[in-house]
């Protein structure tokens, strides 16, 4: 398997994956107009070129683009959050400096699921996060996605919240503390 940084050639895949929202209750895009889809495409493109975001694609020898992961670096001390925002609600479990990585999207082609690709993509984000001396990763998934919750727990994530975030769908929020590169040497 080859893991590589996503390029603009991967943008259509990344947009499709995010819009398909596999494992997520549909409905939030109801009523979207052309300009909403264009804004969404620009948001996803930012994971390719924005220094505070990242994206990695997994390729297999005969099957390119079998997986993709997108994440962003957050600094809550530079963001204004309403009290009702999820990160305001779990602030006590986040790093005191407010800096962490947030997994935005993880997707593996259905025929390659449960083969270790998702694990490798998440580990690559951990490496990128450590390289920035960031010591925590946050992710969430719908509470019905037991296999995704299991994957995260096997990788050392712990559940910190369960409940609705932006709609009525229960989601599980998980975090993983990382050792910095200096700590491992």
N, C-alpha and C. Protein backbone atom coordinates (compact mmCIF):
# COMPACT_ATOMS: atom_id res chain seq x y z
N UNK A 1 0.85 -1.18 0.00
CA UNK A 1 0.00 0.00 0.00
C UNK A 1 0.89 1.24 0.00
N UNK A 2 0.48 2.24 -0.74
CA UNK A 2 1.17 3.51 -0.81
C UNK A 2 0.27 4.59 -0.22
N UNK A 3 0.77 5.30 0.77
CA UNK A 3 0.06 6.46 1.31
C UNK A 3 0.74 7.70 0.76
N UNK A 4 -0.07 8.63 0.26
CA UNK A 4 0.48 9.85 -0.32
C UNK A 4 -0.43 11.03 0.00
N UNK A 5 0.17 12.21 -0.03
CA UNK A 5 -0.63 13.42 0.15
C UNK A 5 -1.60 13.53 -1.01
N UNK A 6 -2.79 13.96 -0.73
CA UNK A 6 -3.78 14.16 -1.79
C UNK A 6 -3.37 15.34 -2.65
N UNK A 7 -3.78 15.27 -3.92
CA UNK A 7 -3.52 16.36 -4.86
C UNK A 7 -4.87 16.80 -5.44
N UNK A 8 -4.83 17.84 -6.24
CA UNK A 8 -6.07 18.30 -6.87
C UNK A 8 -6.68 17.22 -7.77
N UNK A 9 -5.87 16.28 -8.24
CA UNK A 9 -6.40 15.17 -9.03
C UNK A 9 -7.31 14.26 -8.19
N UNK A 10 -7.17 14.33 -6.87
CA UNK A 10 -7.99 13.53 -5.97
C UNK A 10 -9.26 14.26 -5.52
N UNK A 11 -9.41 15.52 -5.91
CA UNK A 11 -10.50 16.34 -5.39
C UNK A 11 -11.87 15.75 -5.68
N UNK A 12 -12.12 15.27 -6.89
CA UNK A 12 -13.44 14.70 -7.19
C UNK A 12 -13.76 13.54 -6.26
N UNK A 13 -12.79 12.67 -6.02
CA UNK A 13 -12.99 11.55 -5.08
C UNK A 13 -13.30 12.08 -3.69
N UNK A 14 -12.52 13.04 -3.22
CA UNK A 14 -12.71 13.57 -1.87
C UNK A 14 -14.07 14.21 -1.70
N UNK A 15 -14.52 14.95 -2.70
CA UNK A 15 -15.84 15.59 -2.64
C UNK A 15 -16.93 14.52 -2.64
N UNK A 16 -16.80 13.54 -3.54
CA UNK A 16 -17.81 12.48 -3.61
C UNK A 16 -17.90 11.72 -2.29
N UNK A 17 -16.75 11.36 -1.73
CA UNK A 17 -16.72 10.62 -0.47
C UNK A 17 -17.43 11.43 0.62
N UNK A 18 -17.11 12.71 0.72
CA UNK A 18 -17.72 13.52 1.78
C UNK A 18 -19.22 13.71 1.54
N UNK A 19 -19.63 13.89 0.30
CA UNK A 19 -21.05 14.06 0.02
C UNK A 19 -21.83 12.76 0.19
N UNK A 20 -21.18 11.62 -0.09
CA UNK A 20 -21.87 10.33 0.10
C UNK A 20 -22.19 10.08 1.56
N UNK A 21 -21.32 10.58 2.44
CA UNK A 21 -21.55 10.44 3.88
C UNK A 21 -21.97 9.04 4.28
N UNK A 22 -21.22 8.03 3.84
CA UNK A 22 -21.52 6.66 4.24
C UNK A 22 -21.50 6.57 5.76
N UNK A 23 -22.48 5.90 6.31
CA UNK A 23 -22.53 5.73 7.75
C UNK A 23 -23.05 6.94 8.49
N UNK A 24 -23.52 7.93 7.77
CA UNK A 24 -24.05 9.13 8.40
C UNK A 24 -25.50 9.30 7.93
N UNK A 25 -26.34 9.67 8.85
CA UNK A 25 -27.74 9.88 8.52
C UNK A 25 -27.87 10.97 7.47
N UNK A 26 -28.53 10.69 6.36
CA UNK A 26 -28.65 11.69 5.29
C UNK A 26 -29.62 12.81 5.66
N UNK A 27 -29.55 13.86 4.88
CA UNK A 27 -30.55 14.91 5.04
C UNK A 27 -30.02 16.31 5.18
N UNK A 28 -28.75 16.48 5.62
CA UNK A 28 -28.32 17.84 5.88
C UNK A 28 -28.14 18.66 4.61
N UNK A 29 -28.04 18.00 3.45
CA UNK A 29 -27.86 18.76 2.21
C UNK A 29 -29.17 19.04 1.49
N UNK A 30 -30.27 18.66 2.09
CA UNK A 30 -31.57 18.93 1.45
C UNK A 30 -31.71 20.43 1.24
N UNK A 31 -32.07 20.79 0.04
CA UNK A 31 -32.26 22.19 -0.28
C UNK A 31 -31.00 22.91 -0.75
N UNK A 32 -29.88 22.21 -0.81
CA UNK A 32 -28.66 22.85 -1.30
C UNK A 32 -28.84 23.29 -2.75
N UNK A 33 -28.29 24.43 -3.06
CA UNK A 33 -28.28 24.98 -4.40
C UNK A 33 -26.88 24.78 -5.00
N UNK A 34 -26.73 25.12 -6.26
CA UNK A 34 -25.45 24.97 -6.96
C UNK A 34 -24.31 25.65 -6.19
N UNK A 35 -24.58 26.86 -5.68
CA UNK A 35 -23.52 27.58 -4.98
C UNK A 35 -23.14 26.89 -3.66
N UNK A 36 -24.08 26.18 -3.04
CA UNK A 36 -23.75 25.42 -1.82
C UNK A 36 -22.79 24.27 -2.15
N UNK A 37 -23.05 23.58 -3.26
CA UNK A 37 -22.16 22.50 -3.67
C UNK A 37 -20.79 23.05 -4.07
N UNK A 38 -20.75 24.21 -4.69
CA UNK A 38 -19.47 24.81 -5.06
C UNK A 38 -18.68 25.21 -3.81
N UNK A 39 -19.36 25.77 -2.82
CA UNK A 39 -18.70 26.14 -1.56
C UNK A 39 -18.17 24.89 -0.86
N UNK A 40 -18.94 23.80 -0.93
CA UNK A 40 -18.50 22.55 -0.33
C UNK A 40 -17.24 22.04 -1.04
N UNK A 41 -17.21 22.12 -2.36
CA UNK A 41 -16.04 21.69 -3.13
C UNK A 41 -14.81 22.51 -2.72
N UNK A 42 -14.99 23.80 -2.53
CA UNK A 42 -13.88 24.66 -2.11
C UNK A 42 -13.41 24.29 -0.71
N UNK A 43 -14.35 23.95 0.18
CA UNK A 43 -13.98 23.51 1.52
C UNK A 43 -13.12 22.25 1.45
N UNK A 44 -13.56 21.28 0.68
CA UNK A 44 -12.81 20.03 0.57
C UNK A 44 -11.45 20.28 -0.08
N UNK A 45 -11.38 21.14 -1.08
CA UNK A 45 -10.10 21.47 -1.71
C UNK A 45 -9.12 22.06 -0.71
N UNK A 46 -9.63 22.77 0.29
CA UNK A 46 -8.74 23.38 1.27
C UNK A 46 -7.95 22.33 2.06
N UNK A 47 -8.43 21.09 2.11
CA UNK A 47 -7.68 20.03 2.79
C UNK A 47 -6.45 19.62 1.99
N UNK A 48 -6.37 20.05 0.75
CA UNK A 48 -5.20 19.76 -0.09
C UNK A 48 -4.14 20.84 0.06
N UNK A 49 -4.56 22.11 0.10
CA UNK A 49 -3.58 23.19 0.05
C UNK A 49 -3.44 24.02 1.32
N UNK A 50 -4.34 23.92 2.27
CA UNK A 50 -4.28 24.73 3.49
C UNK A 50 -3.26 24.12 4.46
N UNK A 51 -2.35 24.93 4.97
CA UNK A 51 -1.30 24.44 5.88
C UNK A 51 -1.85 23.92 7.20
N UNK A 52 -3.05 24.32 7.57
CA UNK A 52 -3.66 23.86 8.82
C UNK A 52 -4.64 22.71 8.60
N UNK A 53 -4.54 22.07 7.43
CA UNK A 53 -5.37 20.91 7.12
C UNK A 53 -4.50 19.89 6.40
N UNK A 54 -4.99 18.68 6.31
CA UNK A 54 -4.23 17.65 5.62
C UNK A 54 -5.14 16.62 5.00
N UNK A 55 -4.61 15.90 4.04
CA UNK A 55 -5.36 14.82 3.39
C UNK A 55 -4.36 13.82 2.83
N UNK A 56 -4.67 12.55 3.04
CA UNK A 56 -3.83 11.46 2.57
C UNK A 56 -4.72 10.47 1.84
N UNK A 57 -4.19 9.95 0.73
CA UNK A 57 -4.89 8.95 -0.07
C UNK A 57 -4.11 7.65 0.01
N UNK A 58 -4.83 6.54 0.12
CA UNK A 58 -4.22 5.21 0.09
C UNK A 58 -4.42 4.60 -1.28
N UNK A 59 -3.33 4.17 -1.88
CA UNK A 59 -3.37 3.49 -3.17
C UNK A 59 -2.85 2.07 -2.99
N UNK A 60 -3.45 1.13 -3.67
CA UNK A 60 -2.91 -0.22 -3.76
C UNK A 60 -2.37 -0.39 -5.17
N UNK A 61 -1.54 -1.38 -5.37
CA UNK A 61 -0.86 -1.55 -6.66
C UNK A 61 -1.83 -1.50 -7.84
N UNK A 62 -2.90 -2.25 -7.78
CA UNK A 62 -3.85 -2.30 -8.90
C UNK A 62 -5.12 -1.50 -8.67
N UNK A 63 -5.21 -0.85 -7.52
CA UNK A 63 -6.42 -0.13 -7.15
C UNK A 63 -6.07 1.22 -6.54
N UNK A 64 -6.01 2.26 -7.35
CA UNK A 64 -5.71 3.57 -6.80
C UNK A 64 -6.88 4.13 -5.99
N UNK A 65 -6.56 4.93 -5.04
CA UNK A 65 -7.55 5.67 -4.25
C UNK A 65 -8.56 4.76 -3.56
N UNK A 66 -8.05 3.81 -2.77
CA UNK A 66 -8.95 2.91 -2.03
C UNK A 66 -9.30 3.45 -0.65
N UNK A 67 -8.66 4.54 -0.27
CA UNK A 67 -8.97 5.14 1.02
C UNK A 67 -8.51 6.58 1.05
N UNK A 68 -9.13 7.36 1.92
CA UNK A 68 -8.76 8.77 2.06
C UNK A 68 -9.08 9.21 3.48
N UNK A 69 -8.24 10.09 4.00
CA UNK A 69 -8.49 10.68 5.31
C UNK A 69 -8.21 12.18 5.22
N UNK A 70 -9.06 12.97 5.85
CA UNK A 70 -8.90 14.42 5.90
C UNK A 70 -8.91 14.83 7.36
N UNK A 71 -8.06 15.78 7.72
CA UNK A 71 -8.04 16.28 9.08
C UNK A 71 -7.65 17.75 9.08
N UNK A 72 -7.88 18.36 10.22
CA UNK A 72 -7.50 19.77 10.37
C UNK A 72 -6.94 19.98 11.76
N UNK A 73 -6.06 20.97 11.85
CA UNK A 73 -5.48 21.35 13.13
C UNK A 73 -6.34 22.45 13.72
N UNK A 74 -6.68 22.30 14.98
CA UNK A 74 -7.55 23.27 15.65
C UNK A 74 -6.77 23.96 16.76
N UNK A 75 -7.08 25.23 16.98
CA UNK A 75 -6.55 25.97 18.12
C UNK A 75 -7.72 26.73 18.72
N UNK A 76 -8.30 26.17 19.76
CA UNK A 76 -9.50 26.76 20.35
C UNK A 76 -9.24 28.11 20.98
N UNK A 77 -7.98 28.41 21.28
CA UNK A 77 -7.67 29.72 21.84
C UNK A 77 -7.73 30.82 20.79
N UNK A 78 -7.79 30.43 19.51
CA UNK A 78 -7.92 31.39 18.43
C UNK A 78 -9.30 31.36 17.78
N UNK A 79 -10.18 30.52 18.29
CA UNK A 79 -11.53 30.38 17.74
C UNK A 79 -12.55 30.83 18.78
N UNK A 80 -13.56 31.54 18.34
CA UNK A 80 -14.66 31.88 19.24
C UNK A 80 -15.72 30.80 19.11
N UNK A 81 -15.99 30.12 20.21
CA UNK A 81 -16.99 29.06 20.20
C UNK A 81 -18.15 29.42 21.12
N UNK A 82 -19.34 29.21 20.63
CA UNK A 82 -20.52 29.38 21.47
C UNK A 82 -20.50 28.31 22.56
N UNK A 83 -21.16 28.57 23.67
CA UNK A 83 -21.24 27.60 24.76
C UNK A 83 -21.86 26.28 24.31
N UNK A 84 -22.73 26.35 23.31
CA UNK A 84 -23.40 25.14 22.83
C UNK A 84 -22.52 24.31 21.88
N UNK A 85 -21.39 24.85 21.43
CA UNK A 85 -20.52 24.12 20.50
C UNK A 85 -19.94 22.90 21.19
N UNK A 86 -19.82 21.83 20.45
CA UNK A 86 -19.29 20.58 20.99
C UNK A 86 -17.98 20.78 21.73
N UNK A 87 -17.03 21.52 21.14
CA UNK A 87 -15.73 21.65 21.78
C UNK A 87 -15.80 22.46 23.07
N UNK A 88 -16.78 23.34 23.19
CA UNK A 88 -16.99 24.02 24.47
C UNK A 88 -17.46 23.02 25.51
N UNK A 89 -18.27 22.06 25.09
CA UNK A 89 -18.82 21.06 26.01
C UNK A 89 -17.78 20.06 26.49
N UNK A 90 -16.77 19.78 25.66
CA UNK A 90 -15.76 18.79 26.07
C UNK A 90 -14.40 19.45 26.33
N UNK A 91 -14.40 20.74 26.53
CA UNK A 91 -13.14 21.48 26.71
C UNK A 91 -12.25 20.86 27.79
N UNK A 92 -12.83 20.32 28.84
CA UNK A 92 -12.05 19.77 29.95
C UNK A 92 -11.18 18.59 29.53
N UNK A 93 -11.54 17.87 28.47
CA UNK A 93 -10.74 16.72 28.04
C UNK A 93 -9.76 17.09 26.92
N UNK A 94 -9.87 18.30 26.40
CA UNK A 94 -8.97 18.76 25.35
C UNK A 94 -7.71 19.35 25.99
N UNK A 95 -6.63 19.45 25.24
CA UNK A 95 -5.39 19.98 25.81
C UNK A 95 -5.58 21.40 26.35
N UNK A 96 -4.93 21.73 27.45
CA UNK A 96 -5.04 23.07 28.03
C UNK A 96 -4.68 24.18 27.04
N UNK A 97 -3.75 23.91 26.11
CA UNK A 97 -3.37 24.94 25.14
C UNK A 97 -4.39 25.06 24.00
N UNK A 98 -5.41 24.19 23.98
CA UNK A 98 -6.48 24.28 23.00
C UNK A 98 -6.12 23.76 21.62
N UNK A 99 -4.94 23.16 21.46
CA UNK A 99 -4.47 22.73 20.14
C UNK A 99 -4.59 21.21 20.01
N UNK A 100 -5.23 20.78 18.92
CA UNK A 100 -5.38 19.35 18.65
C UNK A 100 -5.69 19.16 17.18
N UNK A 101 -5.63 17.92 16.73
CA UNK A 101 -6.03 17.57 15.36
C UNK A 101 -7.44 17.01 15.41
N UNK A 102 -8.21 17.33 14.40
CA UNK A 102 -9.58 16.82 14.30
C UNK A 102 -9.73 16.05 12.99
N UNK A 103 -10.07 14.78 13.09
CA UNK A 103 -10.34 13.99 11.89
C UNK A 103 -11.64 14.51 11.30
N UNK A 104 -11.60 14.88 10.03
CA UNK A 104 -12.77 15.41 9.34
C UNK A 104 -13.50 14.31 8.57
N UNK A 105 -12.74 13.40 7.96
CA UNK A 105 -13.35 12.36 7.14
C UNK A 105 -12.38 11.19 7.04
N UNK A 106 -12.88 9.99 7.21
CA UNK A 106 -12.13 8.77 6.95
C UNK A 106 -13.01 7.88 6.10
N UNK A 107 -12.47 7.43 4.97
CA UNK A 107 -13.24 6.58 4.07
C UNK A 107 -12.33 5.53 3.47
N UNK A 108 -12.84 4.30 3.41
CA UNK A 108 -12.17 3.21 2.72
C UNK A 108 -13.18 2.58 1.78
N UNK A 109 -12.75 2.31 0.56
CA UNK A 109 -13.61 1.68 -0.43
C UNK A 109 -14.22 0.40 0.18
N UNK A 110 -15.52 0.19 0.02
CA UNK A 110 -16.19 -0.92 0.70
C UNK A 110 -15.52 -2.28 0.53
N UNK A 111 -15.01 -2.60 -0.66
CA UNK A 111 -14.40 -3.91 -0.87
C UNK A 111 -13.06 -4.07 -0.14
N UNK A 112 -12.51 -2.97 0.40
CA UNK A 112 -11.23 -3.04 1.10
C UNK A 112 -11.36 -2.74 2.59
N UNK A 113 -12.55 -2.66 3.09
CA UNK A 113 -12.75 -2.39 4.52
C UNK A 113 -12.31 -3.60 5.35
N UNK A 114 -11.86 -3.29 6.55
CA UNK A 114 -11.39 -4.28 7.50
C UNK A 114 -10.15 -5.03 7.00
N UNK A 115 -9.33 -4.31 6.21
CA UNK A 115 -8.06 -4.87 5.73
C UNK A 115 -6.86 -4.10 6.27
N UNK A 116 -7.09 -3.13 7.15
CA UNK A 116 -6.00 -2.36 7.74
C UNK A 116 -5.77 -1.01 7.10
N UNK A 117 -6.48 -0.69 6.04
CA UNK A 117 -6.26 0.59 5.36
C UNK A 117 -6.68 1.75 6.25
N UNK A 118 -7.83 1.65 6.89
CA UNK A 118 -8.27 2.71 7.80
C UNK A 118 -7.27 2.92 8.93
N UNK A 119 -6.76 1.83 9.47
CA UNK A 119 -5.75 1.91 10.53
C UNK A 119 -4.51 2.65 10.03
N UNK A 120 -4.02 2.31 8.84
CA UNK A 120 -2.83 2.96 8.30
C UNK A 120 -3.06 4.45 8.06
N UNK A 121 -4.25 4.80 7.58
CA UNK A 121 -4.56 6.21 7.36
C UNK A 121 -4.59 6.97 8.69
N UNK A 122 -5.20 6.38 9.71
CA UNK A 122 -5.25 7.05 11.02
C UNK A 122 -3.85 7.18 11.62
N UNK A 123 -3.02 6.15 11.45
CA UNK A 123 -1.66 6.22 11.97
C UNK A 123 -0.85 7.30 11.24
N UNK A 124 -1.11 7.50 9.96
CA UNK A 124 -0.43 8.56 9.21
C UNK A 124 -0.81 9.93 9.75
N UNK A 125 -2.08 10.11 10.14
CA UNK A 125 -2.50 11.38 10.75
C UNK A 125 -1.80 11.55 12.10
N UNK A 126 -1.68 10.47 12.85
CA UNK A 126 -0.96 10.56 14.12
C UNK A 126 0.47 11.04 13.90
N UNK A 127 1.14 10.47 12.89
CA UNK A 127 2.51 10.90 12.59
C UNK A 127 2.57 12.38 12.22
N UNK A 128 1.66 12.81 11.34
CA UNK A 128 1.63 14.22 10.93
C UNK A 128 1.34 15.12 12.13
N UNK A 129 0.48 14.67 13.00
CA UNK A 129 0.13 15.45 14.20
C UNK A 129 1.33 15.57 15.13
N UNK A 130 2.02 14.47 15.35
CA UNK A 130 3.22 14.50 16.19
C UNK A 130 4.29 15.44 15.61
N UNK A 131 4.42 15.44 14.30
CA UNK A 131 5.42 16.29 13.66
C UNK A 131 5.17 17.77 13.93
N UNK A 132 3.94 18.11 14.24
CA UNK A 132 3.61 19.50 14.59
C UNK A 132 3.61 19.71 16.10
N UNK A 133 4.09 18.71 16.84
CA UNK A 133 4.12 18.76 18.31
C UNK A 133 2.74 18.96 18.90
N UNK A 134 1.75 18.37 18.27
CA UNK A 134 0.38 18.38 18.78
C UNK A 134 0.15 17.03 19.44
N UNK A 135 -0.46 17.05 20.60
CA UNK A 135 -0.51 15.85 21.42
C UNK A 135 -1.89 15.22 21.57
N UNK A 136 -2.85 15.62 20.73
CA UNK A 136 -4.17 14.99 20.83
C UNK A 136 -4.86 15.01 19.48
N UNK A 137 -5.64 13.95 19.24
CA UNK A 137 -6.50 13.86 18.06
C UNK A 137 -7.93 13.64 18.55
N UNK A 138 -8.85 14.34 17.91
CA UNK A 138 -10.28 14.20 18.18
C UNK A 138 -10.95 13.61 16.94
N UNK A 139 -11.94 12.76 17.16
CA UNK A 139 -12.76 12.25 16.07
C UNK A 139 -14.15 11.94 16.61
N UNK A 140 -15.12 11.78 15.72
CA UNK A 140 -16.44 11.32 16.14
C UNK A 140 -17.06 10.51 15.02
N UNK A 141 -18.04 9.72 15.40
CA UNK A 141 -18.79 8.92 14.45
C UNK A 141 -20.18 8.70 15.03
N UNK A 142 -21.10 8.29 14.18
CA UNK A 142 -22.44 8.00 14.69
C UNK A 142 -22.37 6.81 15.64
N UNK A 143 -23.20 6.85 16.66
CA UNK A 143 -23.19 5.80 17.69
C UNK A 143 -23.50 4.42 17.11
N UNK A 144 -24.16 4.37 15.96
CA UNK A 144 -24.48 3.08 15.34
C UNK A 144 -23.30 2.47 14.59
N UNK A 145 -22.21 3.21 14.40
CA UNK A 145 -21.04 2.72 13.67
C UNK A 145 -20.10 1.97 14.61
N UNK A 146 -20.56 0.82 15.10
CA UNK A 146 -19.79 0.05 16.09
C UNK A 146 -18.40 -0.31 15.59
N UNK A 147 -18.28 -0.68 14.31
CA UNK A 147 -16.96 -1.07 13.80
C UNK A 147 -15.98 0.10 13.78
N UNK A 148 -16.48 1.31 13.54
CA UNK A 148 -15.61 2.48 13.56
C UNK A 148 -15.21 2.82 14.99
N UNK A 149 -16.15 2.71 15.90
CA UNK A 149 -15.84 2.93 17.32
C UNK A 149 -14.80 1.92 17.78
N UNK A 150 -14.98 0.64 17.41
CA UNK A 150 -14.01 -0.40 17.76
C UNK A 150 -12.63 -0.09 17.20
N UNK A 151 -12.58 0.32 15.92
CA UNK A 151 -11.29 0.67 15.31
C UNK A 151 -10.59 1.75 16.12
N UNK A 152 -11.32 2.80 16.46
CA UNK A 152 -10.73 3.88 17.23
C UNK A 152 -10.24 3.40 18.58
N UNK A 153 -11.04 2.60 19.26
CA UNK A 153 -10.63 2.11 20.59
C UNK A 153 -9.41 1.20 20.49
N UNK A 154 -9.33 0.38 19.46
CA UNK A 154 -8.14 -0.47 19.27
C UNK A 154 -6.89 0.37 19.03
N UNK A 155 -7.07 1.55 18.46
CA UNK A 155 -5.94 2.45 18.22
C UNK A 155 -5.62 3.34 19.42
N UNK A 156 -6.36 3.17 20.51
CA UNK A 156 -6.07 3.92 21.72
C UNK A 156 -6.93 5.14 21.97
N UNK A 157 -7.97 5.33 21.18
CA UNK A 157 -8.90 6.44 21.43
C UNK A 157 -9.82 6.07 22.58
N UNK A 158 -10.24 7.07 23.31
CA UNK A 158 -11.21 6.83 24.39
C UNK A 158 -12.42 7.72 24.17
N UNK A 159 -13.56 7.16 24.53
CA UNK A 159 -14.82 7.90 24.38
C UNK A 159 -14.89 9.00 25.42
N UNK A 160 -15.28 10.22 24.97
CA UNK A 160 -15.39 11.35 25.89
C UNK A 160 -16.79 11.96 25.89
N UNK A 161 -17.61 11.57 24.95
CA UNK A 161 -18.97 12.13 24.89
C UNK A 161 -19.81 11.26 23.97
N UNK A 162 -21.10 11.20 24.29
CA UNK A 162 -22.07 10.49 23.45
C UNK A 162 -23.33 11.34 23.44
N UNK A 163 -23.81 11.65 22.24
CA UNK A 163 -25.03 12.44 22.12
C UNK A 163 -25.04 13.19 20.80
N UNK A 164 -26.10 13.93 20.59
CA UNK A 164 -26.26 14.71 19.36
C UNK A 164 -25.21 15.82 19.31
N UNK A 165 -24.83 16.17 18.07
CA UNK A 165 -23.88 17.28 17.89
C UNK A 165 -24.57 18.41 17.13
N UNK A 166 -24.92 18.20 15.86
CA UNK A 166 -25.56 19.26 15.07
C UNK A 166 -26.97 18.89 14.64
N UNK A 167 -27.38 17.67 14.94
CA UNK A 167 -28.74 17.23 14.65
C UNK A 167 -29.15 16.29 15.77
N UNK A 168 -30.19 15.51 15.57
CA UNK A 168 -30.67 14.63 16.64
C UNK A 168 -30.00 13.27 16.66
N UNK A 169 -29.03 13.04 15.79
CA UNK A 169 -28.38 11.75 15.68
C UNK A 169 -27.32 11.60 16.77
N UNK A 170 -27.40 10.54 17.58
CA UNK A 170 -26.37 10.33 18.61
C UNK A 170 -25.02 10.00 17.96
N UNK A 171 -23.99 10.70 18.41
CA UNK A 171 -22.63 10.47 17.93
C UNK A 171 -21.72 10.22 19.12
N UNK A 172 -20.65 9.50 18.85
CA UNK A 172 -19.64 9.21 19.86
C UNK A 172 -18.40 10.04 19.55
N UNK A 173 -17.97 10.84 20.50
CA UNK A 173 -16.75 11.63 20.38
C UNK A 173 -15.63 10.89 21.09
N UNK A 174 -14.47 10.79 20.42
CA UNK A 174 -13.33 10.08 20.98
C UNK A 174 -12.08 10.94 20.84
N UNK A 175 -11.14 10.77 21.76
CA UNK A 175 -9.86 11.46 21.69
C UNK A 175 -8.74 10.46 21.92
N UNK A 176 -7.58 10.81 21.40
CA UNK A 176 -6.37 10.03 21.65
C UNK A 176 -5.25 10.98 21.99
N UNK A 177 -4.62 10.73 23.16
CA UNK A 177 -3.45 11.50 23.53
C UNK A 177 -2.24 10.86 22.86
N UNK A 178 -1.37 11.70 22.32
CA UNK A 178 -0.16 11.25 21.65
C UNK A 178 1.06 11.69 22.40
N UNK A 179 2.10 10.88 22.35
CA UNK A 179 3.38 11.31 22.87
C UNK A 179 4.04 12.18 21.80
N UNK A 180 4.67 13.26 22.19
CA UNK A 180 5.35 14.11 21.21
C UNK A 180 6.61 13.40 20.72
N UNK A 181 7.17 13.80 19.56
CA UNK A 181 8.39 13.16 19.06
C UNK A 181 9.53 13.22 20.07
N UNK A 182 9.62 14.29 20.83
CA UNK A 182 10.67 14.43 21.84
C UNK A 182 10.52 13.39 22.95
N UNK A 183 9.27 13.02 23.28
CA UNK A 183 9.02 12.05 24.33
C UNK A 183 9.40 10.63 23.91
N UNK A 184 9.37 10.36 22.61
CA UNK A 184 9.60 8.99 22.15
C UNK A 184 11.09 8.71 21.92
N UNK A 185 11.94 9.71 22.00
CA UNK A 185 13.35 9.50 21.72
C UNK A 185 14.13 9.49 22.95
